């Protein structure tokens, strides 16, 4: 007998896959730091101590970005906050979806650009914001726009900012330790009389070179998985997956790049705003912040009839 999947199965599957990645990423991070510590010749206690030190340093570096990144991103994007009376239709659309999702109404921003795109930011639901381009407001119908807003609100409700901040801490930890080790090898800072075995020195050198690349790939994988999760959660919120699917089709078909976007903020948007810079292929796909639009639309179409 065939198993019938529900919309909640899509959500649960994406959540499970995200945390599986996070679990193994954490183990990977501790393992890399430990190997590098052994390469320095530290004992077991010293090696584990370096792991903790690196985590603390990376955490401090990400503390500022976690609390102030929303203001930075909104400023870079030249987004202007709107009030209720300035666009009542948009405000009520966001408000109604927030009521359905059990979320506080976020600050709403408009980016004056004819390109079609949107993003959400903020460290938690009480301190969140969504930004939409003027182009997306003009080119999408109400159901499509509702799907986009539901997707962005799902990022807020799913605490994606917190998840990605945690991933950034792990990536930063690996980058910090790798850079420290490579610099010490290059400038002779490592104690040549240390008791680190030759095999650990070689392993540490390999880890210092390859681990940051692997960590970045894992970070991008988590980002892509969170996009699938926001799609599924958004479809559950509107009970109309076709709305978001049609919106994604329109946004991806719009070849106009978003002028205020850059590689540092591209991962925030519902669709990669750097149009014309995507390449096809499995290997290239590993370095994308977003899943292929075709795969997202296919997943949404599979949900049709499961959310009624």
C-alpha atoms as a PDB file:
ATOM      1  CA  UNK A   1       0.000   0.000   0.000  1.00  0.00           C
ATOM      2  CA  UNK A   2       1.418   3.365  -1.055  1.00  0.00           C
ATOM      3  CA  UNK A   3       2.206   5.902   1.637  1.00  0.00           C
ATOM      4  CA  UNK A   4       0.346   9.207   1.328  1.00  0.00           C
ATOM      5  CA  UNK A   5       2.501  12.184   2.260  1.00  0.00           C
ATOM      6  CA  UNK A   6       0.936  15.258   3.793  1.00  0.00           C
ATOM      7  CA  UNK A   7       2.020  18.891   3.727  1.00  0.00           C
ATOM      8  CA  UNK A   8       3.306  18.452   7.275  1.00  0.00           C
ATOM      9  CA  UNK A   9       5.534  15.631   6.019  1.00  0.00           C
ATOM     10  CA  UNK A  10       7.272  18.119   3.723  1.00  0.00           C
ATOM     11  CA  UNK A  11       7.858  20.492   6.624  1.00  0.00           C
ATOM     12  CA  UNK A  12       8.995  17.761   9.025  1.00  0.00           C
ATOM     13  CA  UNK A  13      11.336  16.299   6.413  1.00  0.00           C
ATOM     14  CA  UNK A  14      13.018  19.645   5.817  1.00  0.00           C
ATOM     15  CA  UNK A  15      13.390  20.326   9.549  1.00  0.00           C
ATOM     16  CA  UNK A  16      14.863  16.862  10.124  1.00  0.00           C
ATOM     17  CA  UNK A  17      17.349  17.186   7.254  1.00  0.00           C
ATOM     18  CA  UNK A  18      18.454  20.616   8.475  1.00  0.00           C
ATOM     19  CA  UNK A  19      19.214  19.394  11.986  1.00  0.00           C
ATOM     20  CA  UNK A  20      20.954  16.276  10.702  1.00  0.00           C
ATOM     21  CA  UNK A  21      23.261  18.562   8.719  1.00  0.00           C
ATOM     22  CA  UNK A  22      23.753  20.778  11.774  1.00  0.00           C
ATOM     23  CA  UNK A  23      24.591  17.775  13.980  1.00  0.00           C
ATOM     24  CA  UNK A  24      27.269  16.414  11.679  1.00  0.00           C
ATOM     25  CA  UNK A  25      28.536  19.943  11.016  1.00  0.00           C
ATOM     26  CA  UNK A  26      29.100  20.398  14.753  1.00  0.00           C
ATOM     27  CA  UNK A  27      31.000  17.105  14.951  1.00  0.00           C
ATOM     28  CA  UNK A  28      32.997  18.099  11.877  1.00  0.00           C
ATOM     29  CA  UNK A  29      33.893  21.457  13.469  1.00  0.00           C
ATOM     30  CA  UNK A  30      35.090  19.910  16.731  1.00  0.00           C
ATOM     31  CA  UNK A  31      37.062  17.267  14.809  1.00  0.00           C
ATOM     32  CA  UNK A  32      38.814  19.835  12.605  1.00  0.00           C
ATOM     33  CA  UNK A  33      39.764  22.060  15.545  1.00  0.00           C
ATOM     34  CA  UNK A  34      40.997  19.050  17.506  1.00  0.00           C
ATOM     35  CA  UNK A  35      43.220  17.872  14.626  1.00  0.00           C
ATOM     36  CA  UNK A  36      44.647  21.375  14.239  1.00  0.00           C
ATOM     37  CA  UNK A  37      45.247  21.564  18.000  1.00  0.00           C
ATOM     38  CA  UNK A  38      47.113  18.243  17.874  1.00  0.00           C
ATOM     39  CA  UNK A  39      49.114  19.625  14.955  1.00  0.00           C
ATOM     40  CA  UNK A  40      50.275  22.376  17.290  1.00  0.00           C
ATOM     41  CA  UNK A  41      51.410  19.677  19.710  1.00  0.00           C
ATOM     42  CA  UNK A  42      48.785  20.254  22.388  1.00  0.00           C
ATOM     43  CA  UNK A  43      47.677  17.376  24.574  1.00  0.00           C
ATOM     44  CA  UNK A  44      44.094  16.218  24.742  1.00  0.00           C
ATOM     45  CA  UNK A  45      43.079  18.765  27.357  1.00  0.00           C
ATOM     46  CA  UNK A  46      44.837  21.577  25.499  1.00  0.00           C
ATOM     47  CA  UNK A  47      43.310  20.480  22.209  1.00  0.00           C
ATOM     48  CA  UNK A  48      39.786  20.507  23.574  1.00  0.00           C
ATOM     49  CA  UNK A  49      40.553  23.827  25.220  1.00  0.00           C
ATOM     50  CA  UNK A  50      41.457  25.292  21.814  1.00  0.00           C
ATOM     51  CA  UNK A  51      38.132  24.035  20.483  1.00  0.00           C
ATOM     52  CA  UNK A  52      36.310  25.970  23.190  1.00  0.00           C
ATOM     53  CA  UNK A  53      38.464  29.067  22.667  1.00  0.00           C
ATOM     54  CA  UNK A  54      37.821  29.061  18.916  1.00  0.00           C
ATOM     55  CA  UNK A  55      34.067  28.659  19.463  1.00  0.00           C
ATOM     56  CA  UNK A  56      34.036  31.578  21.889  1.00  0.00           C
ATOM     57  CA  UNK A  57      36.003  33.829  19.515  1.00  0.00           C
ATOM     58  CA  UNK A  58      33.769  32.970  16.561  1.00  0.00           C
ATOM     59  CA  UNK A  59      30.689  33.493  18.725  1.00  0.00           C
ATOM     60  CA  UNK A  60      31.866  36.960  19.737  1.00  0.00           C
ATOM     61  CA  UNK A  61      32.486  37.862  16.111  1.00  0.00           C
ATOM     62  CA  UNK A  62      28.959  36.851  15.184  1.00  0.00           C
ATOM     63  CA  UNK A  63      27.332  38.477  18.234  1.00  0.00           C
ATOM     64  CA  UNK A  64      27.406  41.926  16.674  1.00  0.00           C
ATOM     65  CA  UNK A  65      26.130  40.707  13.312  1.00  0.00           C
ATOM     66  CA  UNK A  66      23.302  38.794  15.007  1.00  0.00           C
ATOM     67  CA  UNK A  67      21.983  41.836  16.849  1.00  0.00           C
ATOM     68  CA  UNK A  68      22.607  44.529  14.241  1.00  0.00           C
ATOM     69  CA  UNK A  69      22.645  42.684  10.906  1.00  0.00           C
ATOM     70  CA  UNK A  70      19.017  43.629  10.165  1.00  0.00           C
ATOM     71  CA  UNK A  71      19.802  47.349  10.330  1.00  0.00           C
ATOM     72  CA  UNK A  72      22.945  46.848   8.266  1.00  0.00           C
ATOM     73  CA  UNK A  73      21.171  44.820   5.576  1.00  0.00           C
ATOM     74  CA  UNK A  74      18.192  47.178   5.378  1.00  0.00           C
ATOM     75  CA  UNK A  75      20.561  50.126   5.101  1.00  0.00           C
ATOM     76  CA  UNK A  76      22.619  48.485   2.349  1.00  0.00           C
ATOM     77  CA  UNK A  77      19.406  47.622   0.504  1.00  0.00           C
ATOM     78  CA  UNK A  78      18.151  51.235   0.737  1.00  0.00           C
ATOM     79  CA  UNK A  79      14.898  49.942   2.143  1.00  0.00           C
ATOM     80  CA  UNK A  80      12.413  52.480   3.496  1.00  0.00           C
ATOM     81  CA  UNK A  81       9.946  51.559   6.212  1.00  0.00           C
ATOM     82  CA  UNK A  82       6.276  52.145   5.473  1.00  0.00           C
ATOM     83  CA  UNK A  83       3.421  52.738   7.867  1.00  0.00           C
ATOM     84  CA  UNK A  84      -0.152  51.482   7.775  1.00  0.00           C
ATOM     85  CA  UNK A  85      -1.595  54.521   5.992  1.00  0.00           C
ATOM     86  CA  UNK A  86       1.095  54.529   3.300  1.00  0.00           C
ATOM     87  CA  UNK A  87       0.041  51.144   1.871  1.00  0.00           C
ATOM     88  CA  UNK A  88      -2.988  49.778   3.683  1.00  0.00           C
ATOM     89  CA  UNK A  89      -3.527  46.871   1.279  1.00  0.00           C
ATOM     90  CA  UNK A  90       0.005  45.536   1.789  1.00  0.00           C
ATOM     91  CA  UNK A  91      -0.104  46.139   5.529  1.00  0.00           C
ATOM     92  CA  UNK A  92      -3.408  44.245   5.894  1.00  0.00           C
ATOM     93  CA  UNK A  93      -2.091  41.383   3.766  1.00  0.00           C
ATOM     94  CA  UNK A  94       0.932  41.008   6.055  1.00  0.00           C
ATOM     95  CA  UNK A  95      -1.202  41.472   9.170  1.00  0.00           C
ATOM     96  CA  UNK A  96      -3.697  38.761   8.182  1.00  0.00           C
ATOM     97  CA  UNK A  97      -0.928  36.253   7.480  1.00  0.00           C
ATOM     98  CA  UNK A  98       0.712  37.088  10.809  1.00  0.00           C
ATOM     99  CA  UNK A  99      -2.569  36.406  12.610  1.00  0.00           C
ATOM    100  CA  UNK A 100      -2.818  33.034  10.857  1.00  0.00           C
ATOM    101  CA  UNK A 101       0.811  32.220  11.705  1.00  0.00           C
ATOM    102  CA  UNK A 102       0.593  33.473  15.289  1.00  0.00           C
ATOM    103  CA  UNK A 103       3.385  35.987  14.689  1.00  0.00           C
ATOM    104  CA  UNK A 104       3.698  39.669  15.599  1.00  0.00           C
ATOM    105  CA  UNK A 105       3.486  42.011  12.628  1.00  0.00           C
ATOM    106  CA  UNK A 106       7.033  42.747  11.427  1.00  0.00           C
ATOM    107  CA  UNK A 107       8.291  46.090  10.235  1.00  0.00           C
ATOM    108  CA  UNK A 108       7.519  46.442   6.533  1.00  0.00           C
ATOM    109  CA  UNK A 109      10.007  47.989   4.106  1.00  0.00           C
ATOM    110  CA  UNK A 110       9.908  48.869   0.420  1.00  0.00           C
ATOM    111  CA  UNK A 111      12.943  48.851  -1.867  1.00  0.00           C
ATOM    112  CA  UNK A 112      12.424  51.209  -4.791  1.00  0.00           C
ATOM    113  CA  UNK A 113      13.535  48.920  -7.599  1.00  0.00           C
ATOM    114  CA  UNK A 114      11.606  47.470 -10.522  1.00  0.00           C
ATOM    115  CA  UNK A 115      13.242  44.045 -10.037  1.00  0.00           C
ATOM    116  CA  UNK A 116      11.045  41.425  -8.354  1.00  0.00           C
ATOM    117  CA  UNK A 117      12.320  40.148  -5.012  1.00  0.00           C
ATOM    118  CA  UNK A 118      11.849  40.135  -1.236  1.00  0.00           C
ATOM    119  CA  UNK A 119      13.617  39.113   1.959  1.00  0.00           C
ATOM    120  CA  UNK A 120      13.117  38.829   5.710  1.00  0.00           C
ATOM    121  CA  UNK A 121      15.547  39.686   8.476  1.00  0.00           C
ATOM    122  CA  UNK A 122      15.664  40.099  12.247  1.00  0.00           C
ATOM    123  CA  UNK A 123      16.944  38.018  15.146  1.00  0.00           C
ATOM    124  CA  UNK A 124      13.495  36.885  16.362  1.00  0.00           C
ATOM    125  CA  UNK A 125       9.777  37.389  15.565  1.00  0.00           C
ATOM    126  CA  UNK A 126       9.546  40.423  17.880  1.00  0.00           C
ATOM    127  CA  UNK A 127      12.461  42.099  16.107  1.00  0.00           C
ATOM    128  CA  UNK A 128      11.792  41.143  12.508  1.00  0.00           C
ATOM    129  CA  UNK A 129      11.321  42.957   9.241  1.00  0.00           C
ATOM    130  CA  UNK A 130      10.337  42.053   5.708  1.00  0.00           C
ATOM    131  CA  UNK A 131      11.361  44.022   2.643  1.00  0.00           C
ATOM    132  CA  UNK A 132       9.750  43.892  -0.773  1.00  0.00           C
ATOM    133  CA  UNK A 133      10.771  45.620  -3.972  1.00  0.00           C
ATOM    134  CA  UNK A 134       8.352  48.018  -5.644  1.00  0.00           C
ATOM    135  CA  UNK A 135       8.666  45.767  -8.690  1.00  0.00           C
ATOM    136  CA  UNK A 136       7.289  42.714  -6.905  1.00  0.00           C
ATOM    137  CA  UNK A 137       4.302  44.727  -5.683  1.00  0.00           C
ATOM    138  CA  UNK A 138       3.540  45.798  -9.242  1.00  0.00           C
ATOM    139  CA  UNK A 139       4.148  42.525 -11.104  1.00  0.00           C
ATOM    140  CA  UNK A 140       2.575  39.889  -8.843  1.00  0.00           C
ATOM    141  CA  UNK A 141      -1.121  39.363  -8.249  1.00  0.00           C
ATOM    142  CA  UNK A 142      -2.552  39.162  -4.742  1.00  0.00           C
ATOM    143  CA  UNK A 143      -2.294  35.372  -4.384  1.00  0.00           C
ATOM    144  CA  UNK A 144       1.288  35.331  -5.637  1.00  0.00           C
ATOM    145  CA  UNK A 145       2.263  38.193  -3.348  1.00  0.00           C
ATOM    146  CA  UNK A 146       0.576  36.421  -0.456  1.00  0.00           C
ATOM    147  CA  UNK A 147       2.702  33.345  -1.184  1.00  0.00           C
ATOM    148  CA  UNK A 148       5.905  35.410  -1.157  1.00  0.00           C
ATOM    149  CA  UNK A 149       5.022  37.142   2.114  1.00  0.00           C
ATOM    150  CA  UNK A 150       4.072  33.799   3.699  1.00  0.00           C
ATOM    151  CA  UNK A 151       7.473  32.435   2.651  1.00  0.00           C
ATOM    152  CA  UNK A 152       9.265  35.368   4.296  1.00  0.00           C
ATOM    153  CA  UNK A 153       7.159  35.156   7.450  1.00  0.00           C
ATOM    154  CA  UNK A 154       8.025  31.465   7.608  1.00  0.00           C
ATOM    155  CA  UNK A 155      11.711  32.398   7.716  1.00  0.00           C
ATOM    156  CA  UNK A 156      10.852  34.537  10.738  1.00  0.00           C
ATOM    157  CA  UNK A 157       8.726  31.870  12.412  1.00  0.00           C
ATOM    158  CA  UNK A 158      11.244  29.100  11.729  1.00  0.00           C
ATOM    159  CA  UNK A 159      14.021  31.153  13.382  1.00  0.00           C
ATOM    160  CA  UNK A 160      16.141  30.904  10.247  1.00  0.00           C
ATOM    161  CA  UNK A 161      18.220  33.907  11.288  1.00  0.00           C
ATOM    162  CA  UNK A 162      19.171  32.070  14.479  1.00  0.00           C
ATOM    163  CA  UNK A 163      19.955  28.850  12.582  1.00  0.00           C
ATOM    164  CA  UNK A 164      22.143  30.647  10.060  1.00  0.00           C
ATOM    165  CA  UNK A 165      23.847  32.616  12.840  1.00  0.00           C
ATOM    166  CA  UNK A 166      24.713  29.295  14.522  1.00  0.00           C
ATOM    167  CA  UNK A 167      26.060  27.943  11.234  1.00  0.00           C
ATOM    168  CA  UNK A 168      28.087  31.131  10.794  1.00  0.00           C
ATOM    169  CA  UNK A 169      29.642  30.598  14.214  1.00  0.00           C
ATOM    170  CA  UNK A 170      30.761  27.099  13.186  1.00  0.00           C
ATOM    171  CA  UNK A 171      32.095  28.309   9.827  1.00  0.00           C
ATOM    172  CA  UNK A 172      33.853  31.203  11.542  1.00  0.00           C
ATOM    173  CA  UNK A 173      35.381  28.856  14.102  1.00  0.00           C
ATOM    174  CA  UNK A 174      36.883  26.662  11.410  1.00  0.00           C
ATOM    175  CA  UNK A 175      38.108  29.657   9.403  1.00  0.00           C
ATOM    176  CA  UNK A 176      39.687  31.225  12.493  1.00  0.00           C
ATOM    177  CA  UNK A 177      41.542  28.070  13.537  1.00  0.00           C
ATOM    178  CA  UNK A 178      42.637  27.255   9.980  1.00  0.00           C
ATOM    179  CA  UNK A 179      43.953  30.749   9.378  1.00  0.00           C
ATOM    180  CA  UNK A 180      45.797  30.738  12.710  1.00  0.00           C
ATOM    181  CA  UNK A 181      47.455  27.404  11.954  1.00  0.00           C
ATOM    182  CA  UNK A 182      48.464  28.337   8.392  1.00  0.00           C
ATOM    183  CA  UNK A 183      49.906  31.654   9.540  1.00  0.00           C
ATOM    184  CA  UNK A 184      51.880  29.944  12.292  1.00  0.00           C
ATOM    185  CA  UNK A 185      53.286  27.463   9.776  1.00  0.00           C
ATOM    186  CA  UNK A 186      54.156  30.221   7.323  1.00  0.00           C
ATOM    187  CA  UNK A 187      55.718  32.608   9.813  1.00  0.00           C
ATOM    188  CA  UNK A 188      57.268  29.934  12.021  1.00  0.00           C
ATOM    189  CA  UNK A 189      55.060  30.662  15.001  1.00  0.00           C
ATOM    190  CA  UNK A 190      54.515  26.998  15.752  1.00  0.00           C
ATOM    191  CA  UNK A 191      56.797  25.516  18.365  1.00  0.00           C
ATOM    192  CA  UNK A 192      59.075  23.212  16.462  1.00  0.00           C
ATOM    193  CA  UNK A 193      60.006  21.445  19.701  1.00  0.00           C
ATOM    194  CA  UNK A 194      56.389  20.610  20.432  1.00  0.00           C
ATOM    195  CA  UNK A 195      55.320  17.023  20.825  1.00  0.00           C
ATOM    196  CA  UNK A 196      52.864  17.056  17.926  1.00  0.00           C
ATOM    197  CA  UNK A 197      53.459  13.990  15.770  1.00  0.00           C
ATOM    198  CA  UNK A 198      54.318  14.378  12.104  1.00  0.00           C
ATOM    199  CA  UNK A 199      51.083  12.675  11.066  1.00  0.00           C
ATOM    200  CA  UNK A 200      49.007  15.210  12.998  1.00  0.00           C
ATOM    201  CA  UNK A 201      50.967  18.075  11.471  1.00  0.00           C
ATOM    202  CA  UNK A 202      50.185  16.747   7.982  1.00  0.00           C
ATOM    203  CA  UNK A 203      46.523  16.132   8.873  1.00  0.00           C
ATOM    204  CA  UNK A 204      46.265  19.596  10.419  1.00  0.00           C
ATOM    205  CA  UNK A 205      47.708  21.192   7.280  1.00  0.00           C
ATOM    206  CA  UNK A 206      45.228  19.322   5.074  1.00  0.00           C
ATOM    207  CA  UNK A 207      42.362  20.238   7.406  1.00  0.00           C
ATOM    208  CA  UNK A 208      43.396  23.891   7.512  1.00  0.00           C
ATOM    209  CA  UNK A 209      43.288  24.067   3.705  1.00  0.00           C
ATOM    210  CA  UNK A 210      40.198  21.996   2.948  1.00  0.00           C
ATOM    211  CA  UNK A 211      37.996  22.473   6.022  1.00  0.00           C
ATOM    212  CA  UNK A 212      36.988  26.116   5.307  1.00  0.00           C
ATOM    213  CA  UNK A 213      35.835  25.089   1.826  1.00  0.00           C
ATOM    214  CA  UNK A 214      33.873  22.127   3.187  1.00  0.00           C
ATOM    215  CA  UNK A 215      32.383  24.307   5.933  1.00  0.00           C
ATOM    216  CA  UNK A 216      31.224  26.857   3.384  1.00  0.00           C
ATOM    217  CA  UNK A 217      29.595  24.111   1.307  1.00  0.00           C
ATOM    218  CA  UNK A 218      27.749  22.875   4.409  1.00  0.00           C
ATOM    219  CA  UNK A 219      26.657  26.422   5.194  1.00  0.00           C
ATOM    220  CA  UNK A 220      25.217  26.767   1.681  1.00  0.00           C
ATOM    221  CA  UNK A 221      23.507  23.383   1.999  1.00  0.00           C
ATOM    222  CA  UNK A 222      21.782  24.554   5.190  1.00  0.00           C
ATOM    223  CA  UNK A 223      20.749  27.766   3.427  1.00  0.00           C
ATOM    224  CA  UNK A 224      19.183  25.803   0.569  1.00  0.00           C
ATOM    225  CA  UNK A 225      17.385  23.486   2.988  1.00  0.00           C
ATOM    226  CA  UNK A 226      15.926  26.472   4.871  1.00  0.00           C
ATOM    227  CA  UNK A 227      14.535  27.785   1.575  1.00  0.00           C
ATOM    228  CA  UNK A 228      12.712  24.508   0.987  1.00  0.00           C
ATOM    229  CA  UNK A 229      11.404  24.658   4.555  1.00  0.00           C
ATOM    230  CA  UNK A 230      10.154  28.234   4.135  1.00  0.00           C
ATOM    231  CA  UNK A 231       8.418  27.237   0.887  1.00  0.00           C
ATOM    232  CA  UNK A 232       6.625  24.344   2.582  1.00  0.00           C
ATOM    233  CA  UNK A 233       5.742  26.391   5.673  1.00  0.00           C
ATOM    234  CA  UNK A 234       4.511  29.256   3.521  1.00  0.00           C
ATOM    235  CA  UNK A 235       2.293  26.917   1.518  1.00  0.00           C
ATOM    236  CA  UNK A 236       0.794  25.590   4.749  1.00  0.00           C
ATOM    237  CA  UNK A 237       0.137  29.141   5.887  1.00  0.00           C
ATOM    238  CA  UNK A 238      -1.723  30.246   2.742  1.00  0.00           C
ATOM    239  CA  UNK A 239      -3.208  26.808   1.946  1.00  0.00           C
ATOM    240  CA  UNK A 240      -2.432  27.640  -1.685  1.00  0.00           C
ATOM    241  CA  UNK A 241       0.961  26.296  -2.883  1.00  0.00           C
ATOM    242  CA  UNK A 242       0.234  27.417  -6.457  1.00  0.00           C
ATOM    243  CA  UNK A 243       0.433  31.057  -5.400  1.00  0.00           C
ATOM    244  CA  UNK A 244       4.063  30.778  -4.289  1.00  0.00           C
ATOM    245  CA  UNK A 245       4.920  28.461  -7.197  1.00  0.00           C
ATOM    246  CA  UNK A 246       3.601  30.988  -9.693  1.00  0.00           C
ATOM    247  CA  UNK A 247       5.425  33.794  -7.891  1.00  0.00           C
ATOM    248  CA  UNK A 248       8.719  31.896  -8.016  1.00  0.00           C
ATOM    249  CA  UNK A 249       8.211  31.302 -11.733  1.00  0.00           C
ATOM    250  CA  UNK A 250       7.623  35.011 -12.363  1.00  0.00           C
ATOM    251  CA  UNK A 251      10.517  36.159 -10.182  1.00  0.00           C
ATOM    252  CA  UNK A 252      12.986  33.738 -11.755  1.00  0.00           C
ATOM    253  CA  UNK A 253      11.805  34.686 -15.247  1.00  0.00           C
ATOM    254  CA  UNK A 254      12.436  38.360 -14.543  1.00  0.00           C
ATOM    255  CA  UNK A 255      16.004  38.838 -15.778  1.00  0.00           C
ATOM    256  CA  UNK A 256      16.406  42.291 -14.242  1.00  0.00           C
ATOM    257  CA  UNK A 257      19.060  42.225 -11.496  1.00  0.00           C
ATOM    258  CA  UNK A 258      18.435  43.947  -8.190  1.00  0.00           C
ATOM    259  CA  UNK A 259      20.862  46.868  -8.109  1.00  0.00           C
ATOM    260  CA  UNK A 260      21.233  47.067  -4.319  1.00  0.00           C
ATOM    261  CA  UNK A 261      21.967  43.349  -3.905  1.00  0.00           C
ATOM    262  CA  UNK A 262      25.455  41.905  -3.528  1.00  0.00           C
ATOM    263  CA  UNK A 263      27.017  38.540  -2.757  1.00  0.00           C
ATOM    264  CA  UNK A 264      26.907  39.290   0.941  1.00  0.00           C
ATOM    265  CA  UNK A 265      23.120  39.761   1.002  1.00  0.00           C
ATOM    266  CA  UNK A 266      22.037  37.534  -1.907  1.00  0.00           C
ATOM    267  CA  UNK A 267      21.260  34.558   0.356  1.00  0.00           C
ATOM    268  CA  UNK A 268      18.537  36.543   2.143  1.00  0.00           C
ATOM    269  CA  UNK A 269      16.297  36.999  -0.876  1.00  0.00           C
ATOM    270  CA  UNK A 270      13.542  34.619  -1.920  1.00  0.00           C
ATOM    271  CA  UNK A 271      15.326  34.108  -5.274  1.00  0.00           C
ATOM    272  CA  UNK A 272      18.969  34.867  -6.021  1.00  0.00           C
ATOM    273  CA  UNK A 273      18.898  38.574  -6.984  1.00  0.00           C
ATOM    274  CA  UNK A 274      22.161  38.390  -8.944  1.00  0.00           C
ATOM    275  CA  UNK A 275      20.428  37.449 -12.174  1.00  0.00           C
ATOM    276  CA  UNK A 276      22.435  36.272 -15.110  1.00  0.00           C
ATOM    277  CA  UNK A 277      25.241  34.975 -12.879  1.00  0.00           C
ATOM    278  CA  UNK A 278      23.933  31.469 -12.281  1.00  0.00           C
ATOM    279  CA  UNK A 279      25.413  28.465 -14.006  1.00  0.00           C
ATOM    280  CA  UNK A 280      23.975  25.005 -14.384  1.00  0.00           C
ATOM    281  CA  UNK A 281      25.491  21.809 -13.180  1.00  0.00           C
ATOM    282  CA  UNK A 282      25.640  19.651 -10.061  1.00  0.00           C
ATOM    283  CA  UNK A 283      29.056  20.944  -8.953  1.00  0.00           C
ATOM    284  CA  UNK A 284      28.108  24.602  -9.404  1.00  0.00           C
ATOM    285  CA  UNK A 285      24.853  23.921  -7.572  1.00  0.00           C
ATOM    286  CA  UNK A 286      26.844  23.106  -4.436  1.00  0.00           C
ATOM    287  CA  UNK A 287      27.956  26.739  -4.285  1.00  0.00           C
ATOM    288  CA  UNK A 288      24.468  28.231  -4.709  1.00  0.00           C
ATOM    289  CA  UNK A 289      22.679  29.872  -1.793  1.00  0.00           C
ATOM    290  CA  UNK A 290      19.282  28.852  -3.204  1.00  0.00           C
ATOM    291  CA  UNK A 291      17.914  25.561  -4.530  1.00  0.00           C
ATOM    292  CA  UNK A 292      17.040  25.492  -8.249  1.00  0.00           C
ATOM    293  CA  UNK A 293      13.720  27.271  -8.789  1.00  0.00           C
ATOM    294  CA  UNK A 294      12.504  24.293 -10.797  1.00  0.00           C
ATOM    295  CA  UNK A 295      13.025  21.995  -7.790  1.00  0.00           C
ATOM    296  CA  UNK A 296      11.191  24.419  -5.508  1.00  0.00           C
ATOM    297  CA  UNK A 297       8.243  24.712  -7.883  1.00  0.00           C
ATOM    298  CA  UNK A 298       8.109  20.918  -8.256  1.00  0.00           C
ATOM    299  CA  UNK A 299       8.016  20.481  -4.464  1.00  0.00           C
ATOM    300  CA  UNK A 300       5.227  23.051  -4.166  1.00  0.00           C
ATOM    301  CA  UNK A 301       3.202  21.419  -6.946  1.00  0.00           C
ATOM    302  CA  UNK A 302       3.495  18.101  -5.079  1.00  0.00           C
ATOM    303  CA  UNK A 303       1.850  19.779  -2.103  1.00  0.00           C
ATOM    304  CA  UNK A 304      -1.252  20.759  -4.096  1.00  0.00           C
ATOM    305  CA  UNK A 305      -4.207  18.909  -2.617  1.00  0.00           C
ATOM    306  CA  UNK A 306      -2.310  18.081   0.585  1.00  0.00           C
ATOM    307  CA  UNK A 307      -2.996  21.370   2.366  1.00  0.00           C
ATOM    308  CA  UNK A 308      -6.744  21.555   2.058  1.00  0.00           C
END
